[in-house]
Amino acid sequence: MALKDDQLKKFRAILEDRRKTLIHQAKKTLESDMVLSPDDRFDEVDQASSEYMQAFSFRLRGREKFLMDKIQLALRKIDEGTYGTCEECEEMIALKRLQARPEAPLCIQCKEAQEKEEAVYAEE
């Protein structure tokens, strides 16, 4: 059963809000977290700690970029009329799953199968 127009509008609003939040966080990181003042004189421990925090922030931003890509894809699917359809089995994704993760491209069964497959590769 396809999603109704009002449901799609709600999901679009949620996704756009999440996108705005991610953009705001990224700007904040660039403006504050990634800038070292030339007046700061670090000892080796302070410098190592600062570099660690920068590396951590970059990893966090990498995850956020991955999430941003998923959000962009979900918004494009809303525009194309394919939102809520599993990319793997082409069945409708359960409404509860979309409410929990509106950017989800897979139904819960296909996501679980993907995770099991990834776990097998991780063990090898």
PDB file of N, CA and C in Angstrom:
ATOM      1  N   MET A   1       0.840  -1.176   0.000  1.00  0.00           N
ATOM      2  CA  MET A   1       0.000   0.000   0.000  1.00  0.00           C
ATOM      3  C   MET A   1       0.887   1.243   0.000  1.00  0.00           C
ATOM      4  N   ALA A   2       0.714   2.106  -0.954  1.00  0.00           N
ATOM      5  CA  ALA A   2       1.533   3.319  -1.102  1.00  0.00           C
ATOM      6  C   ALA A   2       1.205   4.330  -0.006  1.00  0.00           C
ATOM      7  N   LEU A   3       2.161   5.171   0.268  1.00  0.00           N
ATOM      8  CA  LEU A   3       1.970   6.212   1.270  1.00  0.00           C
ATOM      9  C   LEU A   3       1.044   7.299   0.738  1.00  0.00           C
ATOM     10  N   LYS A   4       0.292   7.897   1.641  1.00  0.00           N
ATOM     11  CA  LYS A   4      -0.621   8.972   1.280  1.00  0.00           C
ATOM     12  C   LYS A   4       0.150  10.282   1.183  1.00  0.00           C
ATOM     13  N   ASP A   5      -0.453  11.255   0.504  1.00  0.00           N
ATOM     14  CA  ASP A   5       0.197  12.558   0.315  1.00  0.00           C
ATOM     15  C   ASP A   5       0.559  13.225   1.637  1.00  0.00           C
ATOM     16  N   ASP A   6      -0.344  13.162   2.628  1.00  0.00           N
ATOM     17  CA  ASP A   6      -0.042  13.806   3.910  1.00  0.00           C
ATOM     18  C   ASP A   6       1.108  13.105   4.628  1.00  0.00           C
ATOM     19  N   GLN A   7       1.211  11.786   4.467  1.00  0.00           N
ATOM     20  CA  GLN A   7       2.333  11.051   5.057  1.00  0.00           C
ATOM     21  C   GLN A   7       3.643  11.457   4.377  1.00  0.00           C
ATOM     22  N   LEU A   8       3.606  11.561   3.060  1.00  0.00           N
ATOM     23  CA  LEU A   8       4.801  11.968   2.321  1.00  0.00           C
ATOM     24  C   LEU A   8       5.242  13.376   2.727  1.00  0.00           C
ATOM     25  N   LYS A   9       4.287  14.273   2.934  1.00  0.00           N
ATOM     26  CA  LYS A   9       4.624  15.638   3.359  1.00  0.00           C
ATOM     27  C   LYS A   9       5.300  15.621   4.727  1.00  0.00           C
ATOM     28  N   LYS A  10       4.794  14.777   5.637  1.00  0.00           N
ATOM     29  CA  LYS A  10       5.397  14.670   6.967  1.00  0.00           C
ATOM     30  C   LYS A  10       6.830  14.147   6.869  1.00  0.00           C
ATOM     31  N   PHE A  11       7.025  13.103   6.057  1.00  0.00           N
ATOM     32  CA  PHE A  11       8.364  12.537   5.913  1.00  0.00           C
ATOM     33  C   PHE A  11       9.312  13.537   5.256  1.00  0.00           C
ATOM     34  N   ARG A  12       8.810  14.286   4.275  1.00  0.00           N
ATOM     35  CA  ARG A  12       9.637  15.316   3.634  1.00  0.00           C
ATOM     36  C   ARG A  12      10.072  16.356   4.671  1.00  0.00           C
ATOM     37  N   ALA A  13       9.148  16.792   5.507  1.00  0.00           N
ATOM     38  CA  ALA A  13       9.469  17.797   6.528  1.00  0.00           C
ATOM     39  C   ALA A  13      10.512  17.254   7.515  1.00  0.00           C
ATOM     40  N   ILE A  14      10.363  16.015   7.929  1.00  0.00           N
ATOM     41  CA  ILE A  14      11.323  15.396   8.855  1.00  0.00           C
ATOM     42  C   ILE A  14      12.695  15.308   8.203  1.00  0.00           C
ATOM     43  N   LEU A  15      12.735  14.829   6.971  1.00  0.00           N
ATOM     44  CA  LEU A  15      14.005  14.674   6.261  1.00  0.00           C
ATOM     45  C   LEU A  15      14.680  16.026   6.026  1.00  0.00           C
ATOM     46  N   GLU A  16      13.900  17.030   5.634  1.00  0.00           N
ATOM     47  CA  GLU A  16      14.479  18.353   5.408  1.00  0.00           C
ATOM     48  C   GLU A  16      14.992  18.957   6.709  1.00  0.00           C
ATOM     49  N   ASP A  17      14.297  18.701   7.813  1.00  0.00           N
ATOM     50  CA  ASP A  17      14.756  19.184   9.112  1.00  0.00           C
ATOM     51  C   ASP A  17      16.069  18.512   9.508  1.00  0.00           C
ATOM     52  N   ARG A  18      16.164  17.209   9.279  1.00  0.00           N
ATOM     53  CA  ARG A  18      17.406  16.494   9.582  1.00  0.00           C
ATOM     54  C   ARG A  18      18.555  17.003   8.710  1.00  0.00           C
ATOM     55  N   ARG A  19      18.262  17.297   7.459  1.00  0.00           N
ATOM     56  CA  ARG A  19      19.286  17.820   6.551  1.00  0.00           C
ATOM     57  C   ARG A  19      19.785  19.181   7.048  1.00  0.00           C
ATOM     58  N   LYS A  20      18.865  20.053   7.448  1.00  0.00           N
ATOM     59  CA  LYS A  20      19.244  21.373   7.967  1.00  0.00           C
ATOM     60  C   LYS A  20      20.107  21.234   9.227  1.00  0.00           C
ATOM     61  N   THR A  21      19.734  20.312  10.098  1.00  0.00           N
ATOM     62  CA  THR A  21      20.502  20.087  11.327  1.00  0.00           C
ATOM     63  C   THR A  21      21.915  19.636  11.005  1.00  0.00           C
ATOM     64  N   LEU A  22      22.059  18.710  10.066  1.00  0.00           N
ATOM     65  CA  LEU A  22      23.387  18.228   9.677  1.00  0.00           C
ATOM     66  C   LEU A  22      24.229  19.353   9.077  1.00  0.00           C
ATOM     67  N   ILE A  23      23.622  20.170   8.241  1.00  0.00           N
ATOM     68  CA  ILE A  23      24.345  21.293   7.636  1.00  0.00           C
ATOM     69  C   ILE A  23      24.791  22.268   8.717  1.00  0.00           C
ATOM     70  N   HIS A  24      23.913  22.554   9.664  1.00  0.00           N
ATOM     71  CA  HIS A  24      24.256  23.463  10.763  1.00  0.00           C
ATOM     72  C   HIS A  24      25.425  22.902  11.577  1.00  0.00           C
ATOM     73  N   GLN A  25      25.381  21.610  11.884  1.00  0.00           N
ATOM     74  CA  GLN A  25      26.460  20.990  12.658  1.00  0.00           C
ATOM     75  C   GLN A  25      27.777  21.026  11.891  1.00  0.00           C
ATOM     76  N   ALA A  26      27.716  20.784  10.603  1.00  0.00           N
ATOM     77  CA  ALA A  26      28.936  20.810   9.791  1.00  0.00           C
ATOM     78  C   ALA A  26      29.531  22.217   9.759  1.00  0.00           C
ATOM     79  N   LYS A  27      28.697  23.236   9.598  1.00  0.00           N
ATOM     80  CA  LYS A  27      29.177  24.620   9.596  1.00  0.00           C
ATOM     81  C   LYS A  27      29.809  24.970  10.932  1.00  0.00           C
ATOM     82  N   LYS A  28      29.179  24.528  12.010  1.00  0.00           N
ATOM     83  CA  LYS A  28      29.700  24.796  13.349  1.00  0.00           C
ATOM     84  C   LYS A  28      31.076  24.160  13.511  1.00  0.00           C
ATOM     85  N   THR A  29      31.224  22.951  13.017  1.00  0.00           N
ATOM     86  CA  THR A  29      32.516  22.272  13.101  1.00  0.00           C
ATOM     87  C   THR A  29      33.574  23.040  12.338  1.00  0.00           C
ATOM     88  N   LEU A  30      33.248  23.462  11.135  1.00  0.00           N
ATOM     89  CA  LEU A  30      34.217  24.196  10.319  1.00  0.00           C
ATOM     90  C   LEU A  30      34.583  25.533  10.948  1.00  0.00           C
ATOM     91  N   GLU A  31      33.596  26.189  11.544  1.00  0.00           N
ATOM     92  CA  GLU A  31      33.837  27.517  12.100  1.00  0.00           C
ATOM     93  C   GLU A  31      34.580  27.488  13.433  1.00  0.00           C
ATOM     94  N   SER A  32      34.375  26.435  14.229  1.00  0.00           N
ATOM     95  CA  SER A  32      34.966  26.460  15.563  1.00  0.00           C
ATOM     96  C   SER A  32      35.883  25.282  15.854  1.00  0.00           C
ATOM     97  N   ASP A  33      35.402  24.088  15.677  1.00  0.00           N
ATOM     98  CA  ASP A  33      36.160  22.912  16.089  1.00  0.00           C
ATOM     99  C   ASP A  33      37.429  22.683  15.278  1.00  0.00           C
ATOM    100  N   MET A  34      37.443  23.100  14.034  1.00  0.00           N
ATOM    101  CA  MET A  34      38.574  22.795  13.157  1.00  0.00           C
ATOM    102  C   MET A  34      39.610  23.915  13.082  1.00  0.00           C
ATOM    103  N   VAL A  35      39.395  24.996  13.836  1.00  0.00           N
ATOM    104  CA  VAL A  35      40.294  26.141  13.739  1.00  0.00           C
ATOM    105  C   VAL A  35      41.170  26.225  14.985  1.00  0.00           C
ATOM    106  N   LEU A  36      42.464  26.249  14.761  1.00  0.00           N
ATOM    107  CA  LEU A  36      43.419  26.453  15.843  1.00  0.00           C
ATOM    108  C   LEU A  36      43.901  27.893  15.779  1.00  0.00           C
ATOM    109  N   SER A  37      43.850  28.547  16.908  1.00  0.00           N
ATOM    110  CA  SER A  37      44.313  29.926  16.957  1.00  0.00           C
ATOM    111  C   SER A  37      45.829  29.954  16.882  1.00  0.00           C
ATOM    112  N   PRO A  38      46.402  30.869  16.077  1.00  0.00           N
ATOM    113  CA  PRO A  38      47.863  30.966  16.000  1.00  0.00           C
ATOM    114  C   PRO A  38      48.471  31.444  17.319  1.00  0.00           C
ATOM    115  N   ASP A  39      47.630  32.037  18.186  1.00  0.00           N
ATOM    116  CA  ASP A  39      48.124  32.506  19.477  1.00  0.00           C
ATOM    117  C   ASP A  39      48.289  31.373  20.489  1.00  0.00           C
ATOM    118  N   ASP A  40      47.611  30.247  20.202  1.00  0.00           N
ATOM    119  CA  ASP A  40      47.723  29.114  21.124  1.00  0.00           C
ATOM    120  C   ASP A  40      49.097  28.489  21.020  1.00  0.00           C
ATOM    121  N   ARG A  41      49.712  28.335  22.145  1.00  0.00           N
ATOM    122  CA  ARG A  41      51.010  27.667  22.203  1.00  0.00           C
ATOM    123  C   ARG A  41      50.789  26.346  22.934  1.00  0.00           C
ATOM    124  N   PHE A  42      50.861  25.268  22.172  1.00  0.00           N
ATOM    125  CA  PHE A  42      50.587  23.948  22.740  1.00  0.00           C
ATOM    126  C   PHE A  42      51.872  23.255  23.142  1.00  0.00           C
ATOM    127  N   ASP A  43      51.774  22.531  24.227  1.00  0.00           N
ATOM    128  CA  ASP A  43      52.855  21.581  24.475  1.00  0.00           C
ATOM    129  C   ASP A  43      52.506  20.325  23.688  1.00  0.00           C
ATOM    130  N   GLU A  44      53.346  19.341  23.708  1.00  0.00           N
ATOM    131  CA  GLU A  44      53.137  18.137  22.873  1.00  0.00           C
ATOM    132  C   GLU A  44      51.859  17.399  23.248  1.00  0.00           C
ATOM    133  N   VAL A  45      51.534  17.336  24.530  1.00  0.00           N
ATOM    134  CA  VAL A  45      50.322  16.640  24.965  1.00  0.00           C
ATOM    135  C   VAL A  45      49.078  17.386  24.475  1.00  0.00           C
ATOM    136  N   ASP A  46      49.070  18.716  24.625  1.00  0.00           N
ATOM    137  CA  ASP A  46      47.933  19.503  24.147  1.00  0.00           C
ATOM    138  C   ASP A  46      47.755  19.351  22.641  1.00  0.00           C
ATOM    139  N   GLN A  47      48.850  19.361  21.919  1.00  0.00           N
ATOM    140  CA  GLN A  47      48.785  19.252  20.464  1.00  0.00           C
ATOM    141  C   GLN A  47      48.256  17.877  20.069  1.00  0.00           C
ATOM    142  N   ALA A  48      48.726  16.830  20.725  1.00  0.00           N
ATOM    143  CA  ALA A  48      48.248  15.480  20.416  1.00  0.00           C
ATOM    144  C   ALA A  48      46.762  15.356  20.723  1.00  0.00           C
ATOM    145  N   SER A  49      46.351  15.923  21.840  1.00  0.00           N
ATOM    146  CA  SER A  49      44.940  15.890  22.212  1.00  0.00           C
ATOM    147  C   SER A  49      44.098  16.643  21.189  1.00  0.00           C
ATOM    148  N   SER A  50      44.571  17.808  20.765  1.00  0.00           N
ATOM    149  CA  SER A  50      43.862  18.601  19.772  1.00  0.00           C
ATOM    150  C   SER A  50      43.751  17.859  18.444  1.00  0.00           C
ATOM    151  N   GLU A  51      44.837  17.230  18.023  1.00  0.00           N
ATOM    152  CA  GLU A  51      44.822  16.469  16.770  1.00  0.00           C
ATOM    153  C   GLU A  51      43.876  15.283  16.865  1.00  0.00           C
ATOM    154  N   TYR A  52      43.839  14.635  18.029  1.00  0.00           N
ATOM    155  CA  TYR A  52      42.920  13.515  18.229  1.00  0.00           C
ATOM    156  C   TYR A  52      41.477  13.994  18.095  1.00  0.00           C
ATOM    157  N   MET A  53      41.160  15.124  18.730  1.00  0.00           N
ATOM    158  CA  MET A  53      39.796  15.643  18.661  1.00  0.00           C
ATOM    159  C   MET A  53      39.424  16.048  17.235  1.00  0.00           C
ATOM    160  N   GLN A  54      40.376  16.595  16.502  1.00  0.00           N
ATOM    161  CA  GLN A  54      40.101  16.938  15.106  1.00  0.00           C
ATOM    162  C   GLN A  54      39.836  15.676  14.290  1.00  0.00           C
ATOM    163  N   ALA A  55      40.647  14.645  14.489  1.00  0.00           N
ATOM    164  CA  ALA A  55      40.444  13.388  13.764  1.00  0.00           C
ATOM    165  C   ALA A  55      39.085  12.788  14.112  1.00  0.00           C
ATOM    166  N   PHE A  56      38.730  12.847  15.390  1.00  0.00           N
ATOM    167  CA  PHE A  56      37.431  12.338  15.830  1.00  0.00           C
ATOM    168  C   PHE A  56      36.304  13.115  15.157  1.00  0.00           C
ATOM    169  N   SER A  57      36.424  14.437  15.107  1.00  0.00           N
ATOM    170  CA  SER A  57      35.401  15.270  14.466  1.00  0.00           C
ATOM    171  C   SER A  57      35.273  14.948  12.980  1.00  0.00           C
ATOM    172  N   PHE A  58      36.403  14.718  12.315  1.00  0.00           N
ATOM    173  CA  PHE A  58      36.350  14.364  10.892  1.00  0.00           C
ATOM    174  C   PHE A  58      35.651  13.024  10.678  1.00  0.00           C
ATOM    175  N   ARG A  59      35.914  12.043  11.552  1.00  0.00           N
ATOM    176  CA  ARG A  59      35.228  10.749  11.435  1.00  0.00           C
ATOM    177  C   ARG A  59      33.733  10.924  11.640  1.00  0.00           C
ATOM    178  N   LEU A  60      33.372  11.750  12.627  1.00  0.00           N
ATOM    179  CA  LEU A  60      31.970  12.035  12.882  1.00  0.00           C
ATOM    180  C   LEU A  60      31.342  12.683  11.657  1.00  0.00           C
ATOM    181  N   ARG A  61      32.039  13.619  11.050  1.00  0.00           N
ATOM    182  CA  ARG A  61      31.523  14.296   9.864  1.00  0.00           C
ATOM    183  C   ARG A  61      31.389  13.324   8.693  1.00  0.00           C
ATOM    184  N   GLY A  62      32.274  12.336   8.608  1.00  0.00           N
ATOM    185  CA  GLY A  62      32.155  11.321   7.568  1.00  0.00           C
ATOM    186  C   GLY A  62      30.866  10.539   7.699  1.00  0.00           C
ATOM    187  N   ARG A  63      30.523  10.201   8.921  1.00  0.00           N
ATOM    188  CA  ARG A  63      29.256   9.496   9.171  1.00  0.00           C
ATOM    189  C   ARG A  63      28.073  10.384   8.831  1.00  0.00           C
ATOM    190  N   GLU A  64      28.204  11.661   9.185  1.00  0.00           N
ATOM    191  CA  GLU A  64      27.120  12.588   8.884  1.00  0.00           C
ATOM    192  C   GLU A  64      26.965  12.785   7.379  1.00  0.00           C
ATOM    193  N   LYS A  65      28.051  12.758   6.632  1.00  0.00           N
ATOM    194  CA  LYS A  65      27.959  12.863   5.177  1.00  0.00           C
ATOM    195  C   LYS A  65      27.226  11.658   4.612  1.00  0.00           C
ATOM    196  N   PHE A  66      27.529  10.470   5.150  1.00  0.00           N
ATOM    197  CA  PHE A  66      26.843   9.252   4.715  1.00  0.00           C
ATOM    198  C   PHE A  66      25.342   9.380   4.985  1.00  0.00           C
ATOM    199  N   LEU A  67      24.986   9.904   6.177  1.00  0.00           N
ATOM    200  CA  LEU A  67      23.577  10.104   6.506  1.00  0.00           C
ATOM    201  C   LEU A  67      22.961  11.155   5.585  1.00  0.00           C
ATOM    202  N   MET A  68      23.700  12.212   5.297  1.00  0.00           N
ATOM    203  CA  MET A  68      23.205  13.265   4.398  1.00  0.00           C
ATOM    204  C   MET A  68      22.896  12.687   3.015  1.00  0.00           C
ATOM    205  N   ASP A  69      23.758  11.813   2.521  1.00  0.00           N
ATOM    206  CA  ASP A  69      23.518  11.181   1.222  1.00  0.00           C
ATOM    207  C   ASP A  69      22.229  10.359   1.250  1.00  0.00           C
ATOM    208  N   LYS A  70      21.998   9.648   2.361  1.00  0.00           N
ATOM    209  CA  LYS A  70      20.769   8.851   2.490  1.00  0.00           C
ATOM    210  C   LYS A  70      19.532   9.750   2.537  1.00  0.00           C
ATOM    211  N   ILE A  71      19.662  10.870   3.225  1.00  0.00           N
ATOM    212  CA  ILE A  71      18.545  11.817   3.307  1.00  0.00           C
ATOM    213  C   ILE A  71      18.250  12.398   1.927  1.00  0.00           C
ATOM    214  N   GLN A  72      19.305  12.793   1.209  1.00  0.00           N
ATOM    215  CA  GLN A  72      19.127  13.341  -0.144  1.00  0.00           C
ATOM    216  C   GLN A  72      18.437  12.317  -1.056  1.00  0.00           C
ATOM    217  N   LEU A  73      18.851  11.059  -0.954  1.00  0.00           N
ATOM    218  CA  LEU A  73      18.239  10.003  -1.761  1.00  0.00           C
ATOM    219  C   LEU A  73      16.765   9.835  -1.410  1.00  0.00           C
ATOM    220  N   ALA A  74      16.449   9.860  -0.116  1.00  0.00           N
ATOM    221  CA  ALA A  74      15.048   9.715   0.305  1.00  0.00           C
ATOM    222  C   ALA A  74      14.201  10.866  -0.222  1.00  0.00           C
ATOM    223  N   LEU A  75      14.731  12.078  -0.174  1.00  0.00           N
ATOM    224  CA  LEU A  75      13.988  13.230  -0.708  1.00  0.00           C
ATOM    225  C   LEU A  75      13.779  13.111  -2.221  1.00  0.00           C
ATOM    226  N   ARG A  76      14.792  12.625  -2.916  1.00  0.00           N
ATOM    227  CA  ARG A  76      14.660  12.414  -4.362  1.00  0.00           C
ATOM    228  C   ARG A  76      13.591  11.354  -4.648  1.00  0.00           C
ATOM    229  N   LYS A  77      13.550  10.317  -3.821  1.00  0.00           N
ATOM    230  CA  LYS A  77      12.536   9.267  -4.005  1.00  0.00           C
ATOM    231  C   LYS A  77      11.128   9.807  -3.780  1.00  0.00           C
ATOM    232  N   ILE A  78      10.994  10.736  -2.823  1.00  0.00           N
ATOM    233  CA  ILE A  78       9.678  11.355  -2.623  1.00  0.00           C
ATOM    234  C   ILE A  78       9.280  12.084  -3.897  1.00  0.00           C
ATOM    235  N   ASP A  79      10.215  12.835  -4.475  1.00  0.00           N
ATOM    236  CA  ASP A  79       9.935  13.569  -5.718  1.00  0.00           C
ATOM    237  C   ASP A  79       9.585  12.629  -6.869  1.00  0.00           C
ATOM    238  N   GLU A  80      10.244  11.480  -6.918  1.00  0.00           N
ATOM    239  CA  GLU A  80      10.039  10.525  -8.017  1.00  0.00           C
ATOM    240  C   GLU A  80       8.850   9.598  -7.785  1.00  0.00           C
ATOM    241  N   GLY A  81       8.306   9.613  -6.564  1.00  0.00           N
ATOM    242  CA  GLY A  81       7.167   8.747  -6.270  1.00  0.00           C
ATOM    243  C   GLY A  81       7.554   7.321  -5.891  1.00  0.00           C
ATOM    244  N   THR A  82       8.814   7.107  -5.511  1.00  0.00           N
ATOM    245  CA  THR A  82       9.250   5.755  -5.150  1.00  0.00           C
ATOM    246  C   THR A  82       9.607   5.630  -3.670  1.00  0.00           C
ATOM    247  N   TYR A  83       9.358   6.675  -2.887  1.00  0.00           N
ATOM    248  CA  TYR A  83       9.702   6.659  -1.476  1.00  0.00           C
ATOM    249  C   TYR A  83       8.893   5.584  -0.750  1.00  0.00           C
ATOM    250  N   GLY A  84       9.575   4.868   0.128  1.00  0.00           N
ATOM    251  CA  GLY A  84       8.906   3.833   0.917  1.00  0.00           C
ATOM    252  C   GLY A  84       8.973   2.460   0.295  1.00  0.00           C
ATOM    253  N   THR A  85       9.611   2.362  -0.873  1.00  0.00           N
ATOM    254  CA  THR A  85       9.774   1.070  -1.542  1.00  0.00           C
ATOM    255  C   THR A  85      11.188   0.561  -1.267  1.00  0.00           C
ATOM    256  N   CYS A  86      11.300  -0.684  -0.842  1.00  0.00           N
ATOM    257  CA  CYS A  86      12.595  -1.289  -0.544  1.00  0.00           C
ATOM    258  C   CYS A  86      13.423  -1.402  -1.824  1.00  0.00           C
ATOM    259  N   GLU A  87      14.684  -0.979  -1.733  1.00  0.00           N
ATOM    260  CA  GLU A  87      15.570  -1.035  -2.896  1.00  0.00           C
ATOM    261  C   GLU A  87      15.930  -2.465  -3.274  1.00  0.00           C
ATOM    262  N   GLU A  88      15.807  -3.376  -2.330  1.00  0.00           N
ATOM    263  CA  GLU A  88      16.225  -4.756  -2.579  1.00  0.00           C
ATOM    264  C   GLU A  88      15.076  -5.607  -3.123  1.00  0.00           C
ATOM    265  N   CYS A  89      13.980  -5.688  -2.367  1.00  0.00           N
ATOM    266  CA  CYS A  89      12.883  -6.591  -2.746  1.00  0.00           C
ATOM    267  C   CYS A  89      11.721  -5.870  -3.425  1.00  0.00           C
ATOM    268  N   GLU A  90      11.762  -4.535  -3.426  1.00  0.00           N
ATOM    269  CA  GLU A  90      10.744  -3.686  -4.042  1.00  0.00           C
ATOM    270  C   GLU A  90       9.370  -3.776  -3.373  1.00  0.00           C
ATOM    271  N   GLU A  91       9.334  -4.300  -2.138  1.00  0.00           N
ATOM    272  CA  GLU A  91       8.106  -4.297  -1.343  1.00  0.00           C
ATOM    273  C   GLU A  91       8.051  -2.976  -0.578  1.00  0.00           C
ATOM    274  N   MET A  92       6.884  -2.642  -0.059  1.00  0.00           N
ATOM    275  CA  MET A  92       6.757  -1.416   0.737  1.00  0.00           C
ATOM    276  C   MET A  92       7.471  -1.589   2.079  1.00  0.00           C
ATOM    277  N   ILE A  93       8.187  -0.551   2.500  1.00  0.00           N
ATOM    278  CA  ILE A  93       8.834  -0.537   3.808  1.00  0.00           C
ATOM    279  C   ILE A  93       7.747  -0.218   4.834  1.00  0.00           C
ATOM    280  N   ALA A  94       7.753  -0.952   5.946  1.00  0.00           N
ATOM    281  CA  ALA A  94       6.736  -0.757   6.976  1.00  0.00           C
ATOM    282  C   ALA A  94       6.746   0.682   7.482  1.00  0.00           C
ATOM    283  N   LEU A  95       5.574   1.216   7.735  1.00  0.00           N
ATOM    284  CA  LEU A  95       5.424   2.586   8.196  1.00  0.00           C
ATOM    285  C   LEU A  95       6.197   2.817   9.500  1.00  0.00           C
ATOM    286  N   LYS A  96       6.167   1.835  10.405  1.00  0.00           N
ATOM    287  CA  LYS A  96       6.899   1.977  11.674  1.00  0.00           C
ATOM    288  C   LYS A  96       8.395   2.122  11.428  1.00  0.00           C
ATOM    289  N   ARG A  97       8.911   1.399  10.443  1.00  0.00           N
ATOM    290  CA  ARG A  97      10.345   1.523  10.131  1.00  0.00           C
ATOM    291  C   ARG A  97      10.649   2.911   9.580  1.00  0.00           C
ATOM    292  N   LEU A  98       9.805   3.401   8.694  1.00  0.00           N
ATOM    293  CA  LEU A  98      10.016   4.739   8.134  1.00  0.00           C
ATOM    294  C   LEU A  98       9.887   5.816   9.214  1.00  0.00           C
ATOM    295  N   GLN A  99       8.999   5.604  10.169  1.00  0.00           N
ATOM    296  CA  GLN A  99       8.859   6.574  11.251  1.00  0.00           C
ATOM    297  C   GLN A  99      10.120   6.597  12.115  1.00  0.00           C
ATOM    298  N   ALA A 100      10.735   5.432  12.306  1.00  0.00           N
ATOM    299  CA  ALA A 100      11.953   5.354  13.105  1.00  0.00           C
ATOM    300  C   ALA A 100      13.167   5.848  12.321  1.00  0.00           C
ATOM    301  N   ARG A 101      13.224   5.502  11.034  1.00  0.00           N
ATOM    302  CA  ARG A 101      14.359   5.875  10.174  1.00  0.00           C
ATOM    303  C   ARG A 101      13.817   6.290   8.811  1.00  0.00           C
ATOM    304  N   PRO A 102      13.381   7.539   8.680  1.00  0.00           N
ATOM    305  CA  PRO A 102      12.757   7.973   7.423  1.00  0.00           C
ATOM    306  C   PRO A 102      13.673   7.887   6.210  1.00  0.00           C
ATOM    307  N   GLU A 103      14.987   7.814   6.434  1.00  0.00           N
ATOM    308  CA  GLU A 103      15.927   7.712   5.321  1.00  0.00           C
ATOM    309  C   GLU A 103      16.218   6.262   4.938  1.00  0.00           C
ATOM    310  N   ALA A 104      15.574   5.310   5.593  1.00  0.00           N
ATOM    311  CA  ALA A 104      15.845   3.885   5.359  1.00  0.00           C
ATOM    312  C   ALA A 104      15.529   3.481   3.915  1.00  0.00           C
ATOM    313  N   PRO A 105      16.520   2.895   3.212  1.00  0.00           N
ATOM    314  CA  PRO A 105      16.271   2.456   1.837  1.00  0.00           C
ATOM    315  C   PRO A 105      15.810   1.002   1.743  1.00  0.00           C
ATOM    316  N   LEU A 106      15.886   0.268   2.861  1.00  0.00           N
ATOM    317  CA  LEU A 106      15.556  -1.158   2.860  1.00  0.00           C
ATOM    318  C   LEU A 106      14.481  -1.474   3.884  1.00  0.00           C
ATOM    319  N   CYS A 107      13.647  -2.464   3.572  1.00  0.00           N
ATOM    320  CA  CYS A 107      12.692  -2.958   4.560  1.00  0.00           C
ATOM    321  C   CYS A 107      13.483  -3.692   5.652  1.00  0.00           C
ATOM    322  N   ILE A 108      12.850  -3.988   6.743  1.00  0.00           N
ATOM    323  CA  ILE A 108      13.556  -4.584   7.871  1.00  0.00           C
ATOM    324  C   ILE A 108      14.121  -5.973   7.523  1.00  0.00           C
ATOM    325  N   GLN A 109      13.397  -6.752   6.738  1.00  0.00           N
ATOM    326  CA  GLN A 109      13.888  -8.083   6.373  1.00  0.00           C
ATOM    327  C   GLN A 109      15.154  -7.997   5.527  1.00  0.00           C
ATOM    328  N   CYS A 110      15.156  -7.108   4.560  1.00  0.00           N
ATOM    329  CA  CYS A 110      16.335  -6.964   3.696  1.00  0.00           C
ATOM    330  C   CYS A 110      17.504  -6.357   4.465  1.00  0.00           C
ATOM    331  N   LYS A 111      17.214  -5.446   5.391  1.00  0.00           N
ATOM    332  CA  LYS A 111      18.274  -4.854   6.205  1.00  0.00           C
ATOM    333  C   LYS A 111      18.906  -5.918   7.101  1.00  0.00           C
ATOM    334  N   GLU A 112      18.087  -6.770   7.699  1.00  0.00           N
ATOM    335  CA  GLU A 112      18.613  -7.848   8.546  1.00  0.00           C
ATOM    336  C   GLU A 112      19.455  -8.815   7.725  1.00  0.00           C
ATOM    337  N   ALA A 113      19.003  -9.134   6.516  1.00  0.00           N
ATOM    338  CA  ALA A 113      19.776 -10.022   5.641  1.00  0.00           C
ATOM    339  C   ALA A 113      21.111  -9.380   5.277  1.00  0.00           C
ATOM    340  N   GLN A 114      21.106  -8.083   5.003  1.00  0.00           N
ATOM    341  CA  GLN A 114      22.334  -7.354   4.687  1.00  0.00           C
ATOM    342  C   GLN A 114      23.301  -7.397   5.871  1.00  0.00           C
ATOM    343  N   GLU A 115      22.794  -7.182   7.071  1.00  0.00           N
ATOM    344  CA  GLU A 115      23.645  -7.189   8.263  1.00  0.00           C
ATOM    345  C   GLU A 115      24.227  -8.573   8.527  1.00  0.00           C
ATOM    346  N   LYS A 116      23.438  -9.618   8.284  1.00  0.00           N
ATOM    347  CA  LYS A 116      23.951 -10.989   8.452  1.00  0.00           C
ATOM    348  C   LYS A 116      25.076 -11.265   7.459  1.00  0.00           C
ATOM    349  N   GLU A 117      24.877 -10.811   6.234  1.00  0.00           N
ATOM    350  CA  GLU A 117      25.892 -10.993   5.195  1.00  0.00           C
ATOM    351  C   GLU A 117      27.172 -10.231   5.559  1.00  0.00           C
ATOM    352  N   GLU A 118      27.017  -9.006   6.049  1.00  0.00           N
ATOM    353  CA  GLU A 118      28.172  -8.216   6.468  1.00  0.00           C
ATOM    354  C   GLU A 118      28.900  -8.873   7.631  1.00  0.00           C
ATOM    355  N   ALA A 119      28.155  -9.499   8.541  1.00  0.00           N
ATOM    356  CA  ALA A 119      28.763 -10.172   9.689  1.00  0.00           C
ATOM    357  C   ALA A 119      29.602 -11.364   9.243  1.00  0.00           C
ATOM    358  N   VAL A 120      29.132 -12.066   8.211  1.00  0.00           N
ATOM    359  CA  VAL A 120      29.879 -13.213   7.675  1.00  0.00           C
ATOM    360  C   VAL A 120      31.211 -12.736   7.093  1.00  0.00           C
ATOM    361  N   TYR A 121      31.186 -11.644   6.322  1.00  0.00           N
ATOM    362  CA  TYR A 121      32.403 -11.111   5.751  1.00  0.00           C
ATOM    363  C   TYR A 121      33.360 -10.580   6.813  1.00  0.00           C
ATOM    364  N   ALA A 122      32.788 -10.022   7.895  1.00  0.00           N
ATOM    365  CA  ALA A 122      33.626  -9.479   8.972  1.00  0.00           C
ATOM    366  C   ALA A 122      34.371 -10.590   9.710  1.00  0.00           C
ATOM    367  N   GLU A 123      33.790 -11.779   9.758  1.00  0.00           N
ATOM    368  CA  GLU A 123      34.403 -12.907  10.464  1.00  0.00           C
ATOM    369  C   GLU A 123      35.545 -13.502   9.654  1.00  0.00           C
ATOM    370  N   GLU A 124      35.518 -13.339   8.359  1.00  0.00           N
ATOM    371  CA  GLU A 124      36.540 -13.955   7.508  1.00  0.00           C
ATOM    372  C   GLU A 124      37.856 -13.241   7.578  1.00  0.00           C
TER     373      GLU A 124
END
